[in-house]
Amino acid sequence: MRDSFRRNYRAAKSKVLRWRALVPHPQLLLLDEPFSALDMTLRQRMRQELADLQSRLDIPMVLITHDLDDVAMFGDQVVSLREGIVHPGDALDALSRSRRESRSTP
């Protein structure tokens, strides 16, 4: 398992380095489900690395995700898309409901 983690981590880090070489000064980060194929440990680590990168670059980021943990970490402004219609604020409402429900569950 540890070897698998290292391979996945190196592969993900390699992709980031290649993209940074291609686009040295991006004006926007566009990420579509960037963590979906990662296990939970690697997902948490990569979230933190992305947060650090975004902070250093100080550029806007558009993150497409189904994961409410991604929304919680990166969602300054959130919209959800249901049946092709944009719903401002719905994802934050869903996150709030989800968090309230998890606290009330014993």
N, C-alpha and C. Protein backbone atom coordinates (compact mmCIF):
# COMPACT_ATOMS: atom_id res chain seq x y z
N MET A 1 0.83 -1.19 0.00
CA MET A 1 0.00 0.00 0.00
C MET A 1 0.88 1.26 0.00
N ARG A 2 1.94 1.24 0.77
CA ARG A 2 2.82 2.39 0.84
C ARG A 2 3.46 2.68 -0.52
N ASP A 3 3.85 1.61 -1.25
CA ASP A 3 4.43 1.80 -2.59
C ASP A 3 3.40 2.39 -3.54
N SER A 4 2.16 1.94 -3.43
CA SER A 4 1.08 2.48 -4.27
C SER A 4 0.88 3.97 -3.99
N PHE A 5 0.91 4.33 -2.72
CA PHE A 5 0.77 5.73 -2.33
C PHE A 5 1.89 6.56 -2.94
N ARG A 6 3.12 6.06 -2.83
CA ARG A 6 4.26 6.81 -3.38
C ARG A 6 4.15 6.97 -4.89
N ARG A 7 3.75 5.91 -5.58
CA ARG A 7 3.60 6.00 -7.04
C ARG A 7 2.53 7.02 -7.41
N ASN A 8 1.37 6.95 -6.74
CA ASN A 8 0.29 7.90 -7.02
C ASN A 8 0.71 9.33 -6.72
N TYR A 9 1.40 9.51 -5.60
CA TYR A 9 1.82 10.85 -5.21
C TYR A 9 2.82 11.40 -6.22
N ARG A 10 3.80 10.58 -6.60
CA ARG A 10 4.80 11.03 -7.59
C ARG A 10 4.14 11.36 -8.92
N ALA A 11 3.19 10.53 -9.34
CA ALA A 11 2.50 10.78 -10.62
C ALA A 11 1.73 12.09 -10.57
N ALA A 12 1.01 12.33 -9.47
CA ALA A 12 0.24 13.57 -9.34
C ALA A 12 1.17 14.78 -9.29
N LYS A 13 2.25 14.67 -8.54
CA LYS A 13 3.19 15.77 -8.44
C LYS A 13 3.86 16.04 -9.78
N SER A 14 4.15 14.99 -10.52
CA SER A 14 4.75 15.12 -11.85
C SER A 14 3.82 15.88 -12.79
N LYS A 15 2.52 15.59 -12.73
CA LYS A 15 1.55 16.31 -13.57
C LYS A 15 1.55 17.80 -13.24
N VAL A 16 1.58 18.11 -11.96
CA VAL A 16 1.58 19.52 -11.54
C VAL A 16 2.83 20.22 -12.07
N LEU A 17 3.97 19.56 -11.95
CA LEU A 17 5.22 20.17 -12.41
C LEU A 17 5.21 20.39 -13.92
N ARG A 18 4.66 19.45 -14.68
CA ARG A 18 4.58 19.62 -16.13
C ARG A 18 3.68 20.79 -16.50
N TRP A 19 2.53 20.91 -15.84
CA TRP A 19 1.63 22.01 -16.13
C TRP A 19 2.25 23.34 -15.75
N ARG A 20 2.97 23.37 -14.65
CA ARG A 20 3.62 24.63 -14.24
C ARG A 20 4.69 25.04 -15.24
N ALA A 21 5.35 24.05 -15.85
CA ALA A 21 6.36 24.37 -16.86
C ALA A 21 5.71 24.91 -18.13
N LEU A 22 4.54 24.38 -18.48
CA LEU A 22 3.84 24.83 -19.68
C LEU A 22 3.21 26.21 -19.51
N VAL A 23 2.73 26.47 -18.33
CA VAL A 23 2.03 27.73 -18.06
C VAL A 23 2.68 28.39 -16.84
N PRO A 24 3.78 29.13 -17.05
CA PRO A 24 4.52 29.66 -15.90
C PRO A 24 3.79 30.76 -15.13
N HIS A 25 2.90 31.51 -15.78
CA HIS A 25 2.20 32.60 -15.10
C HIS A 25 0.71 32.58 -15.44
N PRO A 26 -0.02 31.57 -14.94
CA PRO A 26 -1.45 31.49 -15.28
C PRO A 26 -2.24 32.63 -14.66
N GLN A 27 -3.31 33.02 -15.32
CA GLN A 27 -4.20 34.05 -14.79
C GLN A 27 -5.39 33.44 -14.08
N LEU A 28 -5.58 32.13 -14.27
CA LEU A 28 -6.71 31.42 -13.69
C LEU A 28 -6.37 29.94 -13.61
N LEU A 29 -6.77 29.29 -12.52
CA LEU A 29 -6.66 27.84 -12.42
C LEU A 29 -8.04 27.25 -12.67
N LEU A 30 -8.15 26.35 -13.62
CA LEU A 30 -9.40 25.65 -13.91
C LEU A 30 -9.16 24.18 -13.62
N LEU A 31 -9.86 23.65 -12.62
CA LEU A 31 -9.64 22.28 -12.17
C LEU A 31 -10.96 21.52 -12.19
N ASP A 32 -10.98 20.40 -12.88
CA ASP A 32 -12.18 19.58 -13.00
C ASP A 32 -11.95 18.27 -12.24
N GLU A 33 -12.58 18.15 -11.07
CA GLU A 33 -12.46 16.96 -10.22
C GLU A 33 -11.00 16.56 -10.01
N PRO A 34 -10.15 17.47 -9.54
CA PRO A 34 -8.72 17.17 -9.48
C PRO A 34 -8.33 16.08 -8.48
N PHE A 35 -9.18 15.77 -7.52
CA PHE A 35 -8.82 14.81 -6.48
C PHE A 35 -9.62 13.51 -6.55
N SER A 36 -10.51 13.39 -7.50
CA SER A 36 -11.47 12.28 -7.51
C SER A 36 -10.82 10.91 -7.62
N ALA A 37 -9.68 10.77 -8.26
CA ALA A 37 -9.06 9.46 -8.44
C ALA A 37 -8.07 9.12 -7.32
N LEU A 38 -7.97 9.96 -6.31
CA LEU A 38 -6.98 9.76 -5.26
C LEU A 38 -7.61 9.13 -4.02
N ASP A 39 -6.81 8.35 -3.29
CA ASP A 39 -7.31 7.82 -2.03
C ASP A 39 -7.36 8.96 -1.01
N MET A 40 -8.02 8.71 0.12
CA MET A 40 -8.29 9.78 1.07
C MET A 40 -7.02 10.46 1.60
N THR A 41 -5.99 9.69 1.89
CA THR A 41 -4.75 10.26 2.42
C THR A 41 -4.10 11.19 1.40
N LEU A 42 -3.98 10.71 0.18
CA LEU A 42 -3.37 11.51 -0.87
C LEU A 42 -4.25 12.71 -1.23
N ARG A 43 -5.56 12.50 -1.19
CA ARG A 43 -6.50 13.59 -1.48
C ARG A 43 -6.30 14.75 -0.50
N GLN A 44 -6.17 14.43 0.77
CA GLN A 44 -5.97 15.48 1.78
C GLN A 44 -4.65 16.20 1.57
N ARG A 45 -3.62 15.45 1.24
CA ARG A 45 -2.30 16.05 1.02
C ARG A 45 -2.32 16.96 -0.21
N MET A 46 -2.95 16.50 -1.29
CA MET A 46 -2.99 17.29 -2.52
C MET A 46 -3.88 18.52 -2.35
N ARG A 47 -4.95 18.40 -1.56
CA ARG A 47 -5.76 19.59 -1.26
C ARG A 47 -4.90 20.67 -0.60
N GLN A 48 -4.10 20.25 0.36
CA GLN A 48 -3.26 21.21 1.06
C GLN A 48 -2.23 21.81 0.11
N GLU A 49 -1.64 20.99 -0.75
CA GLU A 49 -0.66 21.51 -1.70
C GLU A 49 -1.31 22.49 -2.67
N LEU A 50 -2.52 22.19 -3.11
CA LEU A 50 -3.22 23.11 -4.00
C LEU A 50 -3.55 24.41 -3.28
N ALA A 51 -3.98 24.33 -2.04
CA ALA A 51 -4.27 25.54 -1.27
C ALA A 51 -3.01 26.39 -1.12
N ASP A 52 -1.88 25.74 -0.85
CA ASP A 52 -0.61 26.47 -0.73
C ASP A 52 -0.23 27.11 -2.06
N LEU A 53 -0.40 26.36 -3.14
CA LEU A 53 -0.06 26.87 -4.47
C LEU A 53 -0.94 28.06 -4.82
N GLN A 54 -2.22 27.94 -4.57
CA GLN A 54 -3.14 29.04 -4.87
C GLN A 54 -2.79 30.28 -4.05
N SER A 55 -2.43 30.06 -2.82
CA SER A 55 -2.05 31.18 -1.95
C SER A 55 -0.79 31.88 -2.48
N ARG A 56 0.18 31.08 -2.89
CA ARG A 56 1.43 31.66 -3.42
C ARG A 56 1.19 32.39 -4.73
N LEU A 57 0.38 31.81 -5.62
CA LEU A 57 0.15 32.41 -6.93
C LEU A 57 -0.82 33.58 -6.86
N ASP A 58 -1.71 33.54 -5.86
CA ASP A 58 -2.72 34.59 -5.68
C ASP A 58 -3.51 34.84 -6.96
N ILE A 59 -4.07 33.76 -7.50
CA ILE A 59 -4.90 33.86 -8.70
C ILE A 59 -6.24 33.16 -8.45
N PRO A 60 -7.26 33.55 -9.17
CA PRO A 60 -8.56 32.90 -9.00
C PRO A 60 -8.53 31.45 -9.46
N MET A 61 -9.43 30.65 -8.89
CA MET A 61 -9.51 29.24 -9.22
C MET A 61 -10.96 28.86 -9.42
N VAL A 62 -11.23 28.14 -10.50
CA VAL A 62 -12.54 27.55 -10.73
C VAL A 62 -12.37 26.05 -10.50
N LEU A 63 -13.08 25.53 -9.53
CA LEU A 63 -12.97 24.13 -9.14
C LEU A 63 -14.31 23.44 -9.37
N ILE A 64 -14.32 22.46 -10.24
CA ILE A 64 -15.52 21.67 -10.51
C ILE A 64 -15.41 20.41 -9.67
N THR A 65 -16.41 20.17 -8.82
CA THR A 65 -16.32 19.03 -7.91
C THR A 65 -17.70 18.57 -7.47
N HIS A 66 -17.77 17.31 -7.04
CA HIS A 66 -18.95 16.76 -6.39
C HIS A 66 -18.68 16.55 -4.90
N ASP A 67 -17.48 16.84 -4.46
CA ASP A 67 -17.03 16.56 -3.10
C ASP A 67 -17.23 17.78 -2.21
N LEU A 68 -18.08 17.64 -1.20
CA LEU A 68 -18.36 18.77 -0.31
C LEU A 68 -17.14 19.18 0.52
N ASP A 69 -16.18 18.27 0.73
CA ASP A 69 -14.95 18.65 1.42
C ASP A 69 -14.14 19.62 0.57
N ASP A 70 -14.17 19.43 -0.77
CA ASP A 70 -13.51 20.39 -1.66
C ASP A 70 -14.20 21.74 -1.57
N VAL A 71 -15.53 21.72 -1.53
CA VAL A 71 -16.30 22.96 -1.42
C VAL A 71 -15.93 23.68 -0.12
N ALA A 72 -15.84 22.91 0.96
CA ALA A 72 -15.53 23.51 2.26
C ALA A 72 -14.14 24.15 2.27
N MET A 73 -13.18 23.52 1.60
CA MET A 73 -11.81 24.03 1.64
C MET A 73 -11.59 25.18 0.67
N PHE A 74 -12.22 25.14 -0.51
CA PHE A 74 -11.90 26.11 -1.56
C PHE A 74 -13.06 27.02 -1.94
N GLY A 75 -14.24 26.81 -1.39
CA GLY A 75 -15.42 27.50 -1.89
C GLY A 75 -15.66 28.88 -1.34
N ASP A 76 -14.96 29.89 -1.88
CA ASP A 76 -15.25 31.28 -1.50
C ASP A 76 -16.58 31.72 -2.09
N GLN A 77 -16.78 31.41 -3.35
CA GLN A 77 -18.05 31.67 -4.03
C GLN A 77 -18.47 30.35 -4.67
N VAL A 78 -19.69 29.90 -4.39
CA VAL A 78 -20.11 28.57 -4.81
C VAL A 78 -21.42 28.64 -5.57
N VAL A 79 -21.49 27.89 -6.65
CA VAL A 79 -22.74 27.68 -7.37
C VAL A 79 -22.86 26.18 -7.63
N SER A 80 -24.08 25.71 -7.73
CA SER A 80 -24.28 24.32 -8.11
C SER A 80 -25.02 24.28 -9.44
N LEU A 81 -24.84 23.19 -10.14
CA LEU A 81 -25.47 23.00 -11.44
C LEU A 81 -26.34 21.76 -11.35
N ARG A 82 -27.65 21.96 -11.52
CA ARG A 82 -28.61 20.85 -11.50
C ARG A 82 -29.46 20.93 -12.74
N GLU A 83 -29.48 19.83 -13.49
CA GLU A 83 -30.29 19.75 -14.70
C GLU A 83 -30.01 20.91 -15.64
N GLY A 84 -28.74 21.31 -15.71
CA GLY A 84 -28.32 22.36 -16.63
C GLY A 84 -28.63 23.77 -16.17
N ILE A 85 -29.07 23.94 -14.94
CA ILE A 85 -29.42 25.26 -14.41
C ILE A 85 -28.48 25.60 -13.25
N VAL A 86 -27.92 26.80 -13.29
CA VAL A 86 -27.02 27.26 -12.23
C VAL A 86 -27.85 27.75 -11.05
N HIS A 87 -27.49 27.29 -9.85
CA HIS A 87 -28.18 27.66 -8.62
C HIS A 87 -27.17 28.26 -7.64
N PRO A 88 -27.05 29.58 -7.57
CA PRO A 88 -26.09 30.19 -6.64
C PRO A 88 -26.42 29.82 -5.19
N GLY A 89 -25.39 29.47 -4.44
CA GLY A 89 -25.55 29.23 -3.01
C GLY A 89 -26.05 27.86 -2.63
N ASP A 90 -26.59 27.08 -3.55
CA ASP A 90 -27.14 25.78 -3.19
C ASP A 90 -26.09 24.83 -2.63
N ALA A 91 -24.89 24.85 -3.17
CA ALA A 91 -23.84 23.95 -2.68
C ALA A 91 -23.47 24.29 -1.24
N LEU A 92 -23.43 25.58 -0.91
CA LEU A 92 -23.14 25.97 0.47
C LEU A 92 -24.27 25.53 1.40
N ASP A 93 -25.51 25.66 0.93
CA ASP A 93 -26.64 25.19 1.72
C ASP A 93 -26.54 23.69 1.96
N ALA A 94 -26.19 22.95 0.91
CA ALA A 94 -26.04 21.50 1.05
C ALA A 94 -24.92 21.16 2.02
N LEU A 95 -23.83 21.90 1.96
CA LEU A 95 -22.72 21.68 2.88
C LEU A 95 -23.16 21.94 4.32
N SER A 96 -23.89 23.01 4.53
CA SER A 96 -24.37 23.33 5.88
C SER A 96 -25.29 22.23 6.40
N ARG A 97 -26.22 21.79 5.55
CA ARG A 97 -27.14 20.73 5.96
C ARG A 97 -26.38 19.44 6.28
N SER A 98 -25.43 19.10 5.43
CA SER A 98 -24.64 17.88 5.63
C SER A 98 -23.88 17.94 6.94
N ARG A 99 -23.28 19.07 7.24
CA ARG A 99 -22.51 19.22 8.49
C ARG A 99 -23.45 19.15 9.71
N ARG A 100 -24.62 19.80 9.62
CA ARG A 100 -25.57 19.75 10.74
C ARG A 100 -26.04 18.32 10.98
N GLU A 101 -26.34 17.60 9.90
CA GLU A 101 -26.82 16.23 10.02
C GLU A 101 -25.75 15.33 10.63
N SER A 102 -24.49 15.52 10.23
CA SER A 102 -23.42 14.66 10.76
C SER A 102 -23.19 14.94 12.25
N ARG A 103 -23.41 16.18 12.69
CA ARG A 103 -23.25 16.49 14.12
C ARG A 103 -24.38 15.88 14.95
N SER A 104 -25.57 15.80 14.36
CA SER A 104 -26.71 15.28 15.12
C SER A 104 -26.76 13.76 15.14
N THR A 105 -25.95 13.10 14.29
CA THR A 105 -25.90 11.65 14.26
C THR A 105 -24.97 11.17 15.36
N PRO A 106 -25.45 10.24 16.22
CA PRO A 106 -24.61 9.77 17.35
C PRO A 106 -23.37 9.05 16.92
